[in-house]
């Protein structure tokens, strides 16, 4: 299960927005991550703030925004037991997520650079 809603790249808006919020906080984005990486490496308070933001949003919005209100309320069965998300920005923010999901298992997908360029086009 990758969320009740996802975009044309099968990326979940819930996790996209959270990853983008961390990048935005450093003045970075997916195609210019350097400001985030520099701040992440040099400012422990920035890392704590990002982790706190992610923790609050996951704790308050995950069930409703990611699972959907029917599953969050237990109206729709079966409950989701295996879930995940796809967002390439997570390769930048992964260390912020792992404390929230310590039992997470990761799947690393490698694509040919030409396929990536064609997809972005």
PDB file of N, CA and C in Angstrom:
ATOM      1  N   UNK A   1       0.845  -1.163   0.000  1.00  0.00           N
ATOM      2  CA  UNK A   1       0.000   0.000   0.000  1.00  0.00           C
ATOM      3  C   UNK A   1       0.901   1.240   0.000  1.00  0.00           C
ATOM      4  N   UNK A   2       0.702   2.131  -0.956  1.00  0.00           N
ATOM      5  CA  UNK A   2       1.536   3.338  -1.035  1.00  0.00           C
ATOM      6  C   UNK A   2       0.714   4.603  -0.857  1.00  0.00           C
ATOM      7  N   UNK A   3      -0.398   4.477  -0.185  1.00  0.00           N
ATOM      8  CA  UNK A   3      -1.209   5.645   0.113  1.00  0.00           C
ATOM      9  C   UNK A   3      -2.521   5.646  -0.647  1.00  0.00           C
ATOM     10  N   UNK A   4      -3.489   6.338  -0.077  1.00  0.00           N
ATOM     11  CA  UNK A   4      -4.793   6.379  -0.731  1.00  0.00           C
ATOM     12  C   UNK A   4      -4.766   7.287  -1.951  1.00  0.00           C
ATOM     13  N   UNK A   5      -3.798   8.205  -1.983  1.00  0.00           N
ATOM     14  CA  UNK A   5      -3.626   9.092  -3.128  1.00  0.00           C
ATOM     15  C   UNK A   5      -2.161   9.115  -3.530  1.00  0.00           C
ATOM     16  N   UNK A   6      -1.913   9.163  -4.812  1.00  0.00           N
ATOM     17  CA  UNK A   6      -0.558   9.321  -5.313  1.00  0.00           C
ATOM     18  C   UNK A   6      -0.637   9.996  -6.674  1.00  0.00           C
ATOM     19  N   UNK A   7       0.495  10.550  -7.095  1.00  0.00           N
ATOM     20  CA  UNK A   7       0.513  11.297  -8.349  1.00  0.00           C
ATOM     21  C   UNK A   7       0.840  10.384  -9.531  1.00  0.00           C
ATOM     22  N   UNK A   8       1.062  10.986 -10.687  1.00  0.00           N
ATOM     23  CA  UNK A   8       1.308  10.194 -11.897  1.00  0.00           C
ATOM     24  C   UNK A   8       2.653   9.453 -11.871  1.00  0.00           C
ATOM     25  N   UNK A   9       3.517   9.776 -10.913  1.00  0.00           N
ATOM     26  CA  UNK A   9       4.772   9.042 -10.725  1.00  0.00           C
ATOM     27  C   UNK A   9       4.635   8.008  -9.600  1.00  0.00           C
ATOM     28  N   UNK A  10       3.416   7.830  -9.097  1.00  0.00           N
ATOM     29  CA  UNK A  10       3.130   6.934  -7.977  1.00  0.00           C
ATOM     30  C   UNK A  10       3.877   7.373  -6.721  1.00  0.00           C
ATOM     31  N   UNK A  11       4.005   8.681  -6.561  1.00  0.00           N
ATOM     32  CA  UNK A  11       4.584   9.258  -5.357  1.00  0.00           C
ATOM     33  C   UNK A  11       3.453   9.801  -4.498  1.00  0.00           C
ATOM     34  N   UNK A  12       3.558   9.590  -3.203  1.00  0.00           N
ATOM     35  CA  UNK A  12       2.498   9.954  -2.272  1.00  0.00           C
ATOM     36  C   UNK A  12       2.634  11.409  -1.841  1.00  0.00           C
ATOM     37  N   UNK A  13       1.616  12.243  -2.117  1.00  0.00           N
ATOM     38  CA  UNK A  13       1.690  13.659  -1.742  1.00  0.00           C
ATOM     39  C   UNK A  13       1.969  13.885  -0.261  1.00  0.00           C
ATOM     40  N   UNK A  14       1.453  13.030   0.606  1.00  0.00           N
ATOM     41  CA  UNK A  14       1.677  13.209   2.042  1.00  0.00           C
ATOM     42  C   UNK A  14       3.171  13.254   2.364  1.00  0.00           C
ATOM     43  N   UNK A  15       3.920  12.266   1.878  1.00  0.00           N
ATOM     44  CA  UNK A  15       5.353  12.215   2.162  1.00  0.00           C
ATOM     45  C   UNK A  15       6.129  13.213   1.305  1.00  0.00           C
ATOM     46  N   UNK A  16       5.671  13.466   0.092  1.00  0.00           N
ATOM     47  CA  UNK A  16       6.302  14.498  -0.737  1.00  0.00           C
ATOM     48  C   UNK A  16       6.310  15.834  -0.004  1.00  0.00           C
ATOM     49  N   UNK A  17       5.149  16.231   0.502  1.00  0.00           N
ATOM     50  CA  UNK A  17       5.038  17.522   1.178  1.00  0.00           C
ATOM     51  C   UNK A  17       5.947  17.603   2.401  1.00  0.00           C
ATOM     52  N   UNK A  18       6.040  16.513   3.143  1.00  0.00           N
ATOM     53  CA  UNK A  18       6.898  16.525   4.323  1.00  0.00           C
ATOM     54  C   UNK A  18       8.375  16.623   3.937  1.00  0.00           C
ATOM     55  N   UNK A  19       8.778  15.865   2.938  1.00  0.00           N
ATOM     56  CA  UNK A  19      10.166  15.966   2.477  1.00  0.00           C
ATOM     57  C   UNK A  19      10.454  17.365   1.936  1.00  0.00           C
ATOM     58  N   UNK A  20       9.516  17.914   1.172  1.00  0.00           N
ATOM     59  CA  UNK A  20       9.707  19.255   0.617  1.00  0.00           C
ATOM     60  C   UNK A  20       9.766  20.309   1.721  1.00  0.00           C
ATOM     61  N   UNK A  21       9.016  20.124   2.792  1.00  0.00           N
ATOM     62  CA  UNK A  21       9.059  21.080   3.899  1.00  0.00           C
ATOM     63  C   UNK A  21      10.457  21.139   4.506  1.00  0.00           C
ATOM     64  N   UNK A  22      11.106  19.995   4.643  1.00  0.00           N
ATOM     65  CA  UNK A  22      12.470  19.976   5.186  1.00  0.00           C
ATOM     66  C   UNK A  22      13.451  20.629   4.216  1.00  0.00           C
ATOM     67  N   UNK A  23      13.307  20.344   2.938  1.00  0.00           N
ATOM     68  CA  UNK A  23      14.181  20.976   1.950  1.00  0.00           C
ATOM     69  C   UNK A  23      13.930  22.478   1.898  1.00  0.00           C
ATOM     70  N   UNK A  24      12.652  22.862   1.881  1.00  0.00           N
ATOM     71  CA  UNK A  24      12.292  24.285   1.833  1.00  0.00           C
ATOM     72  C   UNK A  24      12.853  25.049   3.023  1.00  0.00           C
ATOM     73  N   UNK A  25      12.866  24.427   4.187  1.00  0.00           N
ATOM     74  CA  UNK A  25      13.349  25.095   5.402  1.00  0.00           C
ATOM     75  C   UNK A  25      14.804  25.522   5.267  1.00  0.00           C
ATOM     76  N   UNK A  26      15.534  24.861   4.383  1.00  0.00           N
ATOM     77  CA  UNK A  26      16.944  25.204   4.160  1.00  0.00           C
ATOM     78  C   UNK A  26      17.129  25.997   2.872  1.00  0.00           C
ATOM     79  N   UNK A  27      16.028  26.328   2.193  1.00  0.00           N
ATOM     80  CA  UNK A  27      16.143  27.034   0.920  1.00  0.00           C
ATOM     81  C   UNK A  27      16.588  26.130  -0.211  1.00  0.00           C
ATOM     82  N   UNK A  28      16.263  24.857  -0.103  1.00  0.00           N
ATOM     83  CA  UNK A  28      16.671  23.872  -1.107  1.00  0.00           C
ATOM     84  C   UNK A  28      15.438  23.301  -1.800  1.00  0.00           C
ATOM     85  N   UNK A  29      15.660  22.457  -2.807  1.00  0.00           N
ATOM     86  CA  UNK A  29      14.604  21.708  -3.475  1.00  0.00           C
ATOM     87  C   UNK A  29      15.230  20.458  -4.084  1.00  0.00           C
ATOM     88  N   UNK A  30      14.418  19.660  -4.750  1.00  0.00           N
ATOM     89  CA  UNK A  30      14.913  18.363  -5.233  1.00  0.00           C
ATOM     90  C   UNK A  30      16.017  18.507  -6.271  1.00  0.00           C
ATOM     91  N   UNK A  31      16.021  19.582  -7.055  1.00  0.00           N
ATOM     92  CA  UNK A  31      17.051  19.730  -8.082  1.00  0.00           C
ATOM     93  C   UNK A  31      18.212  20.616  -7.625  1.00  0.00           C
ATOM     94  N   UNK A  32      18.118  21.149  -6.431  1.00  0.00           N
ATOM     95  CA  UNK A  32      19.202  21.939  -5.840  1.00  0.00           C
ATOM     96  C   UNK A  32      19.253  21.650  -4.333  1.00  0.00           C
ATOM     97  N   UNK A  33      19.740  20.457  -3.968  1.00  0.00           N
ATOM     98  CA  UNK A  33      19.702  20.044  -2.563  1.00  0.00           C
ATOM     99  C   UNK A  33      20.857  20.574  -1.713  1.00  0.00           C
ATOM    100  N   UNK A  34      21.842  21.208  -2.325  1.00  0.00           N
ATOM    101  CA  UNK A  34      23.044  21.611  -1.586  1.00  0.00           C
ATOM    102  C   UNK A  34      22.750  22.431  -0.326  1.00  0.00           C
ATOM    103  N   UNK A  35      21.856  23.430  -0.372  1.00  0.00           N
ATOM    104  CA  UNK A  35      21.594  24.175   0.875  1.00  0.00           C
ATOM    105  C   UNK A  35      21.086  23.284   2.014  1.00  0.00           C
ATOM    106  N   UNK A  36      20.255  22.303   1.664  1.00  0.00           N
ATOM    107  CA  UNK A  36      19.768  21.373   2.691  1.00  0.00           C
ATOM    108  C   UNK A  36      20.919  20.530   3.237  1.00  0.00           C
ATOM    109  N   UNK A  37      21.719  19.977   2.342  1.00  0.00           N
ATOM    110  CA  UNK A  37      22.818  19.108   2.768  1.00  0.00           C
ATOM    111  C   UNK A  37      23.822  19.870   3.630  1.00  0.00           C
ATOM    112  N   UNK A  38      24.128  21.104   3.249  1.00  0.00           N
ATOM    113  CA  UNK A  38      25.065  21.912   4.035  1.00  0.00           C
ATOM    114  C   UNK A  38      24.494  22.213   5.422  1.00  0.00           C
ATOM    115  N   UNK A  39      23.241  22.599   5.458  1.00  0.00           N
ATOM    116  CA  UNK A  39      22.629  22.932   6.750  1.00  0.00           C
ATOM    117  C   UNK A  39      22.475  21.679   7.609  1.00  0.00           C
ATOM    118  N   UNK A  40      22.080  20.596   6.967  1.00  0.00           N
ATOM    119  CA  UNK A  40      21.921  19.322   7.678  1.00  0.00           C
ATOM    120  C   UNK A  40      23.227  18.907   8.344  1.00  0.00           C
ATOM    121  N   UNK A  41      24.332  19.074   7.629  1.00  0.00           N
ATOM    122  CA  UNK A  41      25.631  18.637   8.148  1.00  0.00           C
ATOM    123  C   UNK A  41      26.218  19.587   9.187  1.00  0.00           C
ATOM    124  N   UNK A  42      25.770  20.838   9.208  1.00  0.00           N
ATOM    125  CA  UNK A  42      26.416  21.812  10.084  1.00  0.00           C
ATOM    126  C   UNK A  42      25.539  22.342  11.222  1.00  0.00           C
ATOM    127  N   UNK A  43      24.257  22.016  11.205  1.00  0.00           N
ATOM    128  CA  UNK A  43      23.340  22.634  12.161  1.00  0.00           C
ATOM    129  C   UNK A  43      22.460  21.581  12.841  1.00  0.00           C
ATOM    130  N   UNK A  44      22.917  21.046  13.990  1.00  0.00           N
ATOM    131  CA  UNK A  44      22.124  20.024  14.682  1.00  0.00           C
ATOM    132  C   UNK A  44      20.727  20.506  15.068  1.00  0.00           C
ATOM    133  N   UNK A  45      20.563  21.786  15.351  1.00  0.00           N
ATOM    134  CA  UNK A  45      19.237  22.317  15.699  1.00  0.00           C
ATOM    135  C   UNK A  45      18.298  22.222  14.500  1.00  0.00           C
ATOM    136  N   UNK A  46      18.825  22.435  13.308  1.00  0.00           N
ATOM    137  CA  UNK A  46      18.021  22.307  12.090  1.00  0.00           C
ATOM    138  C   UNK A  46      17.524  20.870  11.939  1.00  0.00           C
ATOM    139  N   UNK A  47      18.410  19.918  12.159  1.00  0.00           N
ATOM    140  CA  UNK A  47      18.030  18.500  12.056  1.00  0.00           C
ATOM    141  C   UNK A  47      16.952  18.171  13.085  1.00  0.00           C
ATOM    142  N   UNK A  48      17.118  18.631  14.321  1.00  0.00           N
ATOM    143  CA  UNK A  48      16.108  18.382  15.356  1.00  0.00           C
ATOM    144  C   UNK A  48      14.770  19.014  14.978  1.00  0.00           C
ATOM    145  N   UNK A  49      14.804  20.227  14.438  1.00  0.00           N
ATOM    146  CA  UNK A  49      13.562  20.891  14.023  1.00  0.00           C
ATOM    147  C   UNK A  49      12.856  20.104  12.927  1.00  0.00           C
ATOM    148  N   UNK A  50      13.621  19.616  11.960  1.00  0.00           N
ATOM    149  CA  UNK A  50      13.017  18.816  10.878  1.00  0.00           C
ATOM    150  C   UNK A  50      12.435  17.520  11.428  1.00  0.00           C
ATOM    151  N   UNK A  51      13.175  16.850  12.316  1.00  0.00           N
ATOM    152  CA  UNK A  51      12.668  15.608  12.907  1.00  0.00           C
ATOM    153  C   UNK A  51      11.404  15.868  13.714  1.00  0.00           C
ATOM    154  N   UNK A  52      11.382  16.971  14.405  1.00  0.00           N
ATOM    155  CA  UNK A  52      10.200  17.329  15.193  1.00  0.00           C
ATOM    156  C   UNK A  52       9.000  17.587  14.287  1.00  0.00           C
ATOM    157  N   UNK A  53       9.217  18.314  13.205  1.00  0.00           N
ATOM    158  CA  UNK A  53       8.148  18.576  12.242  1.00  0.00           C
ATOM    159  C   UNK A  53       7.592  17.272  11.684  1.00  0.00           C
ATOM    160  N   UNK A  54       8.483  16.382  11.244  1.00  0.00           N
ATOM    161  CA  UNK A  54       8.036  15.108  10.681  1.00  0.00           C
ATOM    162  C   UNK A  54       7.269  14.304  11.722  1.00  0.00           C
ATOM    163  N   UNK A  55       7.793  14.249  12.940  1.00  0.00           N
ATOM    164  CA  UNK A  55       7.125  13.503  13.999  1.00  0.00           C
ATOM    165  C   UNK A  55       5.729  14.026  14.287  1.00  0.00           C
ATOM    166  N   UNK A  56       5.600  15.347  14.379  1.00  0.00           N
ATOM    167  CA  UNK A  56       4.273  15.935  14.647  1.00  0.00           C
ATOM    168  C   UNK A  56       3.301  15.628  13.515  1.00  0.00           C
ATOM    169  N   UNK A  57       3.740  15.791  12.291  1.00  0.00           N
ATOM    170  CA  UNK A  57       2.833  15.565  11.156  1.00  0.00           C
ATOM    171  C   UNK A  57       2.441  14.105  11.026  1.00  0.00           C
ATOM    172  N   UNK A  58       3.388  13.218  11.241  1.00  0.00           N
ATOM    173  CA  UNK A  58       3.064  11.789  11.169  1.00  0.00           C
ATOM    174  C   UNK A  58       2.092  11.432  12.282  1.00  0.00           C
ATOM    175  N   UNK A  59       2.334  11.918  13.475  1.00  0.00           N
ATOM    176  CA  UNK A  59       1.467  11.586  14.611  1.00  0.00           C
ATOM    177  C   UNK A  59       0.056  12.145  14.456  1.00  0.00           C
ATOM    178  N   UNK A  60      -0.081  13.291  13.805  1.00  0.00           N
ATOM    179  CA  UNK A  60      -1.401  13.912  13.724  1.00  0.00           C
ATOM    180  C   UNK A  60      -2.120  13.680  12.403  1.00  0.00           C
ATOM    181  N   UNK A  61      -1.393  13.454  11.322  1.00  0.00           N
ATOM    182  CA  UNK A  61      -2.040  13.411  10.010  1.00  0.00           C
ATOM    183  C   UNK A  61      -1.900  12.100   9.251  1.00  0.00           C
ATOM    184  N   UNK A  62      -0.995  11.220   9.678  1.00  0.00           N
ATOM    185  CA  UNK A  62      -0.698  10.015   8.901  1.00  0.00           C
ATOM    186  C   UNK A  62      -1.941   9.197   8.579  1.00  0.00           C
ATOM    187  N   UNK A  63      -2.706   8.860   9.601  1.00  0.00           N
ATOM    188  CA  UNK A  63      -3.858   7.974   9.382  1.00  0.00           C
ATOM    189  C   UNK A  63      -4.844   8.589   8.401  1.00  0.00           C
ATOM    190  N   UNK A  64      -5.190   9.844   8.612  1.00  0.00           N
ATOM    191  CA  UNK A  64      -6.209  10.471   7.770  1.00  0.00           C
ATOM    192  C   UNK A  64      -5.689  10.789   6.368  1.00  0.00           C
ATOM    193  N   UNK A  65      -4.496  11.366   6.268  1.00  0.00           N
ATOM    194  CA  UNK A  65      -3.981  11.818   4.976  1.00  0.00           C
ATOM    195  C   UNK A  65      -3.368  10.699   4.146  1.00  0.00           C
ATOM    196  N   UNK A  66      -2.707   9.741   4.780  1.00  0.00           N
ATOM    197  CA  UNK A  66      -2.043   8.679   4.037  1.00  0.00           C
ATOM    198  C   UNK A  66      -2.934   7.450   3.880  1.00  0.00           C
ATOM    199  N   UNK A  67      -3.486   6.979   4.986  1.00  0.00           N
ATOM    200  CA  UNK A  67      -4.316   5.779   4.922  1.00  0.00           C
ATOM    201  C   UNK A  67      -5.705   6.075   4.389  1.00  0.00           C
ATOM    202  N   UNK A  68      -6.213   7.252   4.666  1.00  0.00           N
ATOM    203  CA  UNK A  68      -7.585   7.601   4.302  1.00  0.00           C
ATOM    204  C   UNK A  68      -8.474   7.481   5.515  1.00  0.00           C
ATOM    205  N   UNK A  69      -9.487   8.304   5.561  1.00  0.00           N
ATOM    206  CA  UNK A  69     -10.318   8.348   6.773  1.00  0.00           C
ATOM    207  C   UNK A  69     -11.052   7.050   7.037  1.00  0.00           C
ATOM    208  N   UNK A  70     -11.429   6.305   6.007  1.00  0.00           N
ATOM    209  CA  UNK A  70     -12.129   5.031   6.241  1.00  0.00           C
ATOM    210  C   UNK A  70     -11.243   4.037   6.990  1.00  0.00           C
ATOM    211  N   UNK A  71      -9.985   3.950   6.564  1.00  0.00           N
ATOM    212  CA  UNK A  71      -9.065   3.030   7.255  1.00  0.00           C
ATOM    213  C   UNK A  71      -8.670   3.588   8.613  1.00  0.00           C
ATOM    214  N   UNK A  72      -8.506   4.905   8.692  1.00  0.00           N
ATOM    215  CA  UNK A  72      -8.130   5.519   9.974  1.00  0.00           C
ATOM    216  C   UNK A  72      -9.190   5.244  11.037  1.00  0.00           C
ATOM    217  N   UNK A  73     -10.459   5.224  10.636  1.00  0.00           N
ATOM    218  CA  UNK A  73     -11.547   4.973  11.573  1.00  0.00           C
ATOM    219  C   UNK A  73     -11.885   3.489  11.712  1.00  0.00           C
ATOM    220  N   UNK A  74     -11.234   2.650  10.911  1.00  0.00           N
ATOM    221  CA  UNK A  74     -11.493   1.220  10.972  1.00  0.00           C
ATOM    222  C   UNK A  74     -12.760   0.809  10.251  1.00  0.00           C
ATOM    223  N   UNK A  75     -13.310   1.701   9.402  1.00  0.00           N
ATOM    224  CA  UNK A  75     -14.535   1.402   8.666  1.00  0.00           C
ATOM    225  C   UNK A  75     -14.248   0.443   7.517  1.00  0.00           C
ATOM    226  N   UNK A  76     -13.115   0.638   6.874  1.00  0.00           N
ATOM    227  CA  UNK A  76     -12.757  -0.177   5.713  1.00  0.00           C
ATOM    228  C   UNK A  76     -11.798  -1.272   6.156  1.00  0.00           C
ATOM    229  N   UNK A  77     -12.103  -2.492   5.853  1.00  0.00           N
ATOM    230  CA  UNK A  77     -11.247  -3.613   6.206  1.00  0.00           C
ATOM    231  C   UNK A  77     -10.682  -4.212   4.931  1.00  0.00           C
ATOM    232  N   UNK A  78      -9.568  -4.878   4.923  1.00  0.00           N
ATOM    233  CA  UNK A  78      -8.707  -5.060   6.073  1.00  0.00           C
ATOM    234  C   UNK A  78      -7.829  -3.837   6.316  1.00  0.00           C
ATOM    235  N   UNK A  79      -7.355  -3.723   7.533  1.00  0.00           N
ATOM    236  CA  UNK A  79      -6.435  -2.645   7.866  1.00  0.00           C
ATOM    237  C   UNK A  79      -5.122  -2.864   7.107  1.00  0.00           C
ATOM    238  N   UNK A  80      -4.474  -1.792   6.800  1.00  0.00           N
ATOM    239  CA  UNK A  80      -3.198  -1.864   6.095  1.00  0.00           C
ATOM    240  C   UNK A  80      -2.135  -2.397   7.043  1.00  0.00           C
ATOM    241  N   UNK A  81      -1.457  -3.465   6.640  1.00  0.00           N
ATOM    242  CA  UNK A  81      -0.389  -3.999   7.485  1.00  0.00           C
ATOM    243  C   UNK A  81       0.981  -3.737   6.859  1.00  0.00           C
ATOM    244  N   UNK A  82       1.069  -3.735   5.552  1.00  0.00           N
ATOM    245  CA  UNK A  82       2.329  -3.442   4.860  1.00  0.00           C
ATOM    246  C   UNK A  82       2.127  -2.197   4.023  1.00  0.00           C
ATOM    247  N   UNK A  83       2.961  -1.212   4.240  1.00  0.00           N
ATOM    248  CA  UNK A  83       2.808   0.041   3.521  1.00  0.00           C
ATOM    249  C   UNK A  83       4.184   0.659   3.281  1.00  0.00           C
ATOM    250  N   UNK A  84       4.218   1.639   2.428  1.00  0.00           N
ATOM    251  CA  UNK A  84       5.462   2.340   2.151  1.00  0.00           C
ATOM    252  C   UNK A  84       5.174   3.567   1.313  1.00  0.00           C
ATOM    253  N   UNK A  85       6.215   4.253   0.955  1.00  0.00           N
ATOM    254  CA  UNK A  85       6.050   5.394   0.080  1.00  0.00           C
ATOM    255  C   UNK A  85       7.219   5.487  -0.879  1.00  0.00           C
ATOM    256  N   UNK A  86       6.969   6.162  -1.975  1.00  0.00           N
ATOM    257  CA  UNK A  86       7.986   6.387  -2.994  1.00  0.00           C
ATOM    258  C   UNK A  86       8.112   7.886  -3.170  1.00  0.00           C
ATOM    259  N   UNK A  87       9.271   8.397  -2.839  1.00  0.00           N
ATOM    260  CA  UNK A  87       9.593   9.801  -3.077  1.00  0.00           C
ATOM    261  C   UNK A  87      11.105   9.906  -3.133  1.00  0.00           C
ATOM    262  N   UNK A  88      11.653  10.224  -4.293  1.00  0.00           N
ATOM    263  CA  UNK A  88      13.114  10.303  -4.417  1.00  0.00           C
ATOM    264  C   UNK A  88      13.775  11.261  -3.422  1.00  0.00           C
ATOM    265  N   UNK A  89      13.044  12.252  -2.933  1.00  0.00           N
ATOM    266  CA  UNK A  89      13.604  13.192  -1.951  1.00  0.00           C
ATOM    267  C   UNK A  89      13.995  12.479  -0.659  1.00  0.00           C
ATOM    268  N   UNK A  90      13.410  11.315  -0.431  1.00  0.00           N
ATOM    269  CA  UNK A  90      13.702  10.563   0.788  1.00  0.00           C
ATOM    270  C   UNK A  90      15.172  10.157   0.845  1.00  0.00           C
ATOM    271  N   UNK A  91      15.834  10.052  -0.295  1.00  0.00           N
ATOM    272  CA  UNK A  91      17.273   9.722  -0.241  1.00  0.00           C
ATOM    273  C   UNK A  91      18.047  10.832   0.452  1.00  0.00           C
ATOM    274  N   UNK A  92      17.494  12.055   0.478  1.00  0.00           N
ATOM    275  CA  UNK A  92      18.133  13.166   1.175  1.00  0.00           C
ATOM    276  C   UNK A  92      17.719  13.223   2.643  1.00  0.00           C
ATOM    277  N   UNK A  93      16.488  12.841   2.933  1.00  0.00           N
ATOM    278  CA  UNK A  93      15.922  13.014   4.275  1.00  0.00           C
ATOM    279  C   UNK A  93      15.817  11.709   5.070  1.00  0.00           C
ATOM    280  N   UNK A  94      16.339  10.636   4.549  1.00  0.00           N
ATOM    281  CA  UNK A  94      16.154   9.314   5.166  1.00  0.00           C
ATOM    282  C   UNK A  94      16.542   9.281   6.639  1.00  0.00           C
ATOM    283  N   UNK A  95      17.645   9.908   6.997  1.00  0.00           N
ATOM    284  CA  UNK A  95      18.072   9.845   8.403  1.00  0.00           C
ATOM    285  C   UNK A  95      17.091  10.553   9.332  1.00  0.00           C
ATOM    286  N   UNK A  96      16.245  11.437   8.793  1.00  0.00           N
ATOM    287  CA  UNK A  96      15.200  12.065   9.601  1.00  0.00           C
ATOM    288  C   UNK A  96      14.036  11.112   9.832  1.00  0.00           C
ATOM    289  N   UNK A  97      13.791  10.228   8.884  1.00  0.00           N
ATOM    290  CA  UNK A  97      12.652   9.311   8.944  1.00  0.00           C
ATOM    291  C   UNK A  97      12.929   8.070   9.794  1.00  0.00           C
ATOM    292  N   UNK A  98      14.144   7.571   9.768  1.00  0.00           N
ATOM    293  CA  UNK A  98      14.423   6.292  10.431  1.00  0.00           C
ATOM    294  C   UNK A  98      14.090   6.273  11.923  1.00  0.00           C
ATOM    295  N   UNK A  99      14.314   7.364  12.673  1.00  0.00           N
ATOM    296  CA  UNK A  99      13.890   7.316  14.080  1.00  0.00           C
ATOM    297  C   UNK A  99      12.369   7.199  14.248  1.00  0.00           C
ATOM    298  N   UNK A 100      11.605   7.690  13.274  1.00  0.00           N
ATOM    299  CA  UNK A 100      10.139   7.578  13.352  1.00  0.00           C
ATOM    300  C   UNK A 100       9.659   6.177  13.010  1.00  0.00           C
ATOM    301  N   UNK A 101      10.397   5.495  12.148  1.00  0.00           N
ATOM    302  CA  UNK A 101      10.025   4.151  11.701  1.00  0.00           C
ATOM    303  C   UNK A 101      11.232   3.225  11.869  1.00  0.00           C
ATOM    304  N   UNK A 102      11.604   2.909  13.125  1.00  0.00           N
ATOM    305  CA  UNK A 102      12.833   2.140  13.361  1.00  0.00           C
ATOM    306  C   UNK A 102      12.811   0.736  12.768  1.00  0.00           C
ATOM    307  N   UNK A 103      11.647   0.182  12.515  1.00  0.00           N
ATOM    308  CA  UNK A 103      11.567  -1.152  11.920  1.00  0.00           C
ATOM    309  C   UNK A 103      11.456  -1.122  10.402  1.00  0.00           C
ATOM    310  N   UNK A 104      11.678   0.033   9.825  1.00  0.00           N
ATOM    311  CA  UNK A 104      11.509   0.169   8.370  1.00  0.00           C
ATOM    312  C   UNK A 104      12.483  -0.716   7.612  1.00  0.00           C
ATOM    313  N   UNK A 105      12.004  -1.218   6.508  1.00  0.00           N
ATOM    314  CA  UNK A 105      12.855  -1.924   5.566  1.00  0.00           C
ATOM    315  C   UNK A 105      12.901  -1.075   4.303  1.00  0.00           C
ATOM    316  N   UNK A 106      14.068  -0.937   3.738  1.00  0.00           N
ATOM    317  CA  UNK A 106      14.264  -0.041   2.609  1.00  0.00           C
ATOM    318  C   UNK A 106      14.404  -0.816   1.316  1.00  0.00           C
ATOM    319  N   UNK A 107      13.878  -0.234   0.273  1.00  0.00           N
ATOM    320  CA  UNK A 107      14.026  -0.778  -1.070  1.00  0.00           C
ATOM    321  C   UNK A 107      14.690   0.303  -1.902  1.00  0.00           C
ATOM    322  N   UNK A 108      15.863   0.011  -2.401  1.00  0.00           N
ATOM    323  CA  UNK A 108      16.624   0.969  -3.189  1.00  0.00           C
ATOM    324  C   UNK A 108      16.496   0.582  -4.657  1.00  0.00           C
ATOM    325  N   UNK A 109      15.867   1.451  -5.420  1.00  0.00           N
ATOM    326  CA  UNK A 109      15.663   1.208  -6.840  1.00  0.00           C
ATOM    327  C   UNK A 109      16.657   2.058  -7.616  1.00  0.00           C
ATOM    328  N   UNK A 110      17.348   1.435  -8.548  1.00  0.00           N
ATOM    329  CA  UNK A 110      18.312   2.153  -9.378  1.00  0.00           C
ATOM    330  C   UNK A 110      17.789   2.160 -10.807  1.00  0.00           C
ATOM    331  N   UNK A 111      17.745   3.362 -11.375  1.00  0.00           N
ATOM    332  CA  UNK A 111      17.291   3.497 -12.757  1.00  0.00           C
ATOM    333  C   UNK A 111      18.434   4.021 -13.617  1.00  0.00           C
ATOM    334  N   UNK A 112      18.396   3.668 -14.877  1.00  0.00           N
ATOM    335  CA  UNK A 112      19.378   4.195 -15.820  1.00  0.00           C
ATOM    336  C   UNK A 112      19.181   5.700 -15.922  1.00  0.00           C
ATOM    337  N   UNK A 113      20.258   6.490 -15.903  1.00  0.00           N
ATOM    338  CA  UNK A 113      20.135   7.950 -15.967  1.00  0.00           C
ATOM    339  C   UNK A 113      19.326   8.462 -17.153  1.00  0.00           C
ATOM    340  N   UNK A 114      19.408   7.788 -18.282  1.00  0.00           N
ATOM    341  CA  UNK A 114      18.641   8.203 -19.451  1.00  0.00           C
ATOM    342  C   UNK A 114      17.142   8.042 -19.194  1.00  0.00           C
ATOM    343  N   UNK A 115      16.748   6.963 -18.533  1.00  0.00           N
ATOM    344  CA  UNK A 115      15.336   6.768 -18.179  1.00  0.00           C
ATOM    345  C   UNK A 115      14.858   7.871 -17.245  1.00  0.00           C
ATOM    346  N   UNK A 116      15.703   8.270 -16.310  1.00  0.00           N
ATOM    347  CA  UNK A 116      15.343   9.337 -15.383  1.00  0.00           C
ATOM    348  C   UNK A 116      15.143  10.649 -16.157  1.00  0.00           C
ATOM    349  N   UNK A 117      16.071  10.951 -17.049  1.00  0.00           N
ATOM    350  CA  UNK A 117      15.975  12.191 -17.825  1.00  0.00           C
ATOM    351  C   UNK A 117      14.712  12.202 -18.683  1.00  0.00           C
ATOM    352  N   UNK A 118      14.398  11.099 -19.303  1.00  0.00           N
ATOM    353  CA  UNK A 118      13.186  11.011 -20.135  1.00  0.00           C
ATOM    354  C   UNK A 118      11.950  11.185 -19.264  1.00  0.00           C
ATOM    355  N   UNK A 119      11.949  10.602 -18.089  1.00  0.00           N
ATOM    356  CA  UNK A 119      10.815  10.735 -17.176  1.00  0.00           C
ATOM    357  C   UNK A 119      10.621  12.184 -16.757  1.00  0.00           C
ATOM    358  N   UNK A 120      11.696  12.879 -16.473  1.00  0.00           N
ATOM    359  CA  UNK A 120      11.603  14.279 -16.059  1.00  0.00           C
ATOM    360  C   UNK A 120      11.187  15.182 -17.207  1.00  0.00           C
ATOM    361  N   UNK A 121      11.547  14.799 -18.411  1.00  0.00           N
ATOM    362  CA  UNK A 121      11.168  15.595 -19.590  1.00  0.00           C
ATOM    363  C   UNK A 121       9.668  15.637 -19.696  1.00  0.00           C
TER     364      UNK A 121
END
